[in-house]
Amino acid sequence: MYTTTRRIVGGTFMVCDDCGDAISMNKVCENPIQSATDMLKHMAVHNASRAFAPVVGLVSHPEMGTDFYSEPED
């Protein structure tokens, strides 16, 4: 998703919550259809990367006092 951010120096940007990619609101106003297409493509890339990413991550077990990496089940 995108968040609107206004900078002190000037300018308002739509910033991607996942990667920090920014699109200027001036660009959005000048070319709304192209900007909307670019934003949808950008979000589709994030969704696709999540869909095909393996489920591996740091798992914490406080009762055991250890952290280890889990392996995806086949």
Protein backbone atom coordinates (compact mmCIF):
# COMPACT_ATOMS: atom_id res chain seq x y z
CA MET A 1 0.00 0.00 0.00
CA TYR A 2 1.00 3.61 -0.38
CA THR A 3 1.11 6.39 2.20
CA THR A 4 1.00 10.11 1.37
CA THR A 5 4.02 11.97 2.74
CA ARG A 6 4.63 15.72 2.70
CA ARG A 7 8.23 16.86 3.03
CA ILE A 8 9.35 20.08 4.71
CA VAL A 9 11.58 20.97 1.76
CA GLY A 10 8.56 20.83 -0.47
CA GLY A 11 6.61 18.33 -2.42
CA THR A 12 4.15 15.61 -1.60
CA PHE A 13 4.89 11.99 -2.39
CA MET A 14 3.11 8.65 -2.39
CA VAL A 15 5.53 6.29 -0.60
CA CYS A 16 5.34 2.50 -0.80
CA ASP A 17 5.03 1.00 2.70
CA ASP A 18 6.96 -2.14 1.71
CA CYS A 19 10.06 -0.77 -0.01
CA GLY A 20 10.00 3.03 0.34
CA ASP A 21 9.65 3.73 -3.38
CA ALA A 22 8.23 7.26 -3.83
CA ILE A 23 6.09 8.78 -6.58
CA SER A 24 5.71 12.55 -6.77
CA MET A 25 2.16 13.85 -6.55
CA ASN A 26 3.08 16.32 -9.31
CA LYS A 27 3.66 13.33 -11.61
CA VAL A 28 0.35 11.81 -10.51
CA CYS A 29 -1.49 15.05 -11.37
CA GLU A 30 0.24 15.42 -14.76
CA ASN A 31 -0.29 11.81 -15.90
CA PRO A 32 -2.98 10.21 -13.71
CA ILE A 33 -3.64 7.14 -15.86
CA GLN A 34 0.05 6.31 -16.34
CA SER A 35 0.78 6.91 -12.65
CA ALA A 36 -2.08 4.66 -11.55
CA THR A 37 -0.82 1.95 -13.91
CA ASP A 38 2.72 2.26 -12.51
CA MET A 39 1.43 2.03 -8.93
CA LEU A 40 -0.65 -1.06 -9.70
CA LYS A 41 2.32 -2.74 -11.41
CA HIS A 42 4.50 -1.91 -8.41
CA MET A 43 1.98 -3.41 -5.96
CA ALA A 44 1.58 -6.50 -8.19
CA VAL A 45 5.33 -7.13 -7.99
CA HIS A 46 5.19 -7.05 -4.18
CA ASN A 47 2.17 -9.38 -4.12
CA ALA A 48 3.81 -11.81 -6.54
CA SER A 49 7.04 -11.88 -4.57
CA ARG A 50 5.09 -12.68 -1.38
CA ALA A 51 3.08 -15.41 -3.10
CA PHE A 52 6.15 -17.32 -4.25
CA ALA A 53 8.41 -16.66 -1.26
CA PRO A 54 9.26 -19.67 0.90
CA VAL A 55 7.99 -19.63 4.47
CA VAL A 56 11.31 -19.45 6.30
CA GLY A 57 11.96 -17.12 9.19
CA LEU A 58 13.28 -16.63 12.66
CA VAL A 59 11.15 -18.44 15.21
CA SER A 60 11.45 -17.59 18.88
CA HIS A 61 10.68 -20.02 21.70
CA PRO A 62 10.78 -18.09 24.99
CA GLU A 63 10.15 -21.21 27.06
CA MET A 64 13.26 -22.81 25.56
CA GLY A 65 15.27 -19.59 25.49
CA THR A 66 16.44 -20.19 21.93
CA ASP A 67 15.93 -18.78 18.45
CA PHE A 68 16.25 -20.88 15.32
CA TYR A 69 15.28 -20.80 11.68
CA SER A 70 12.28 -22.83 10.62
CA GLU A 71 12.33 -24.82 7.42
CA PRO A 72 9.37 -24.95 5.05
CA GLU A 73 7.47 -28.23 5.09
CA ASP A 74 7.32 -30.17 1.83
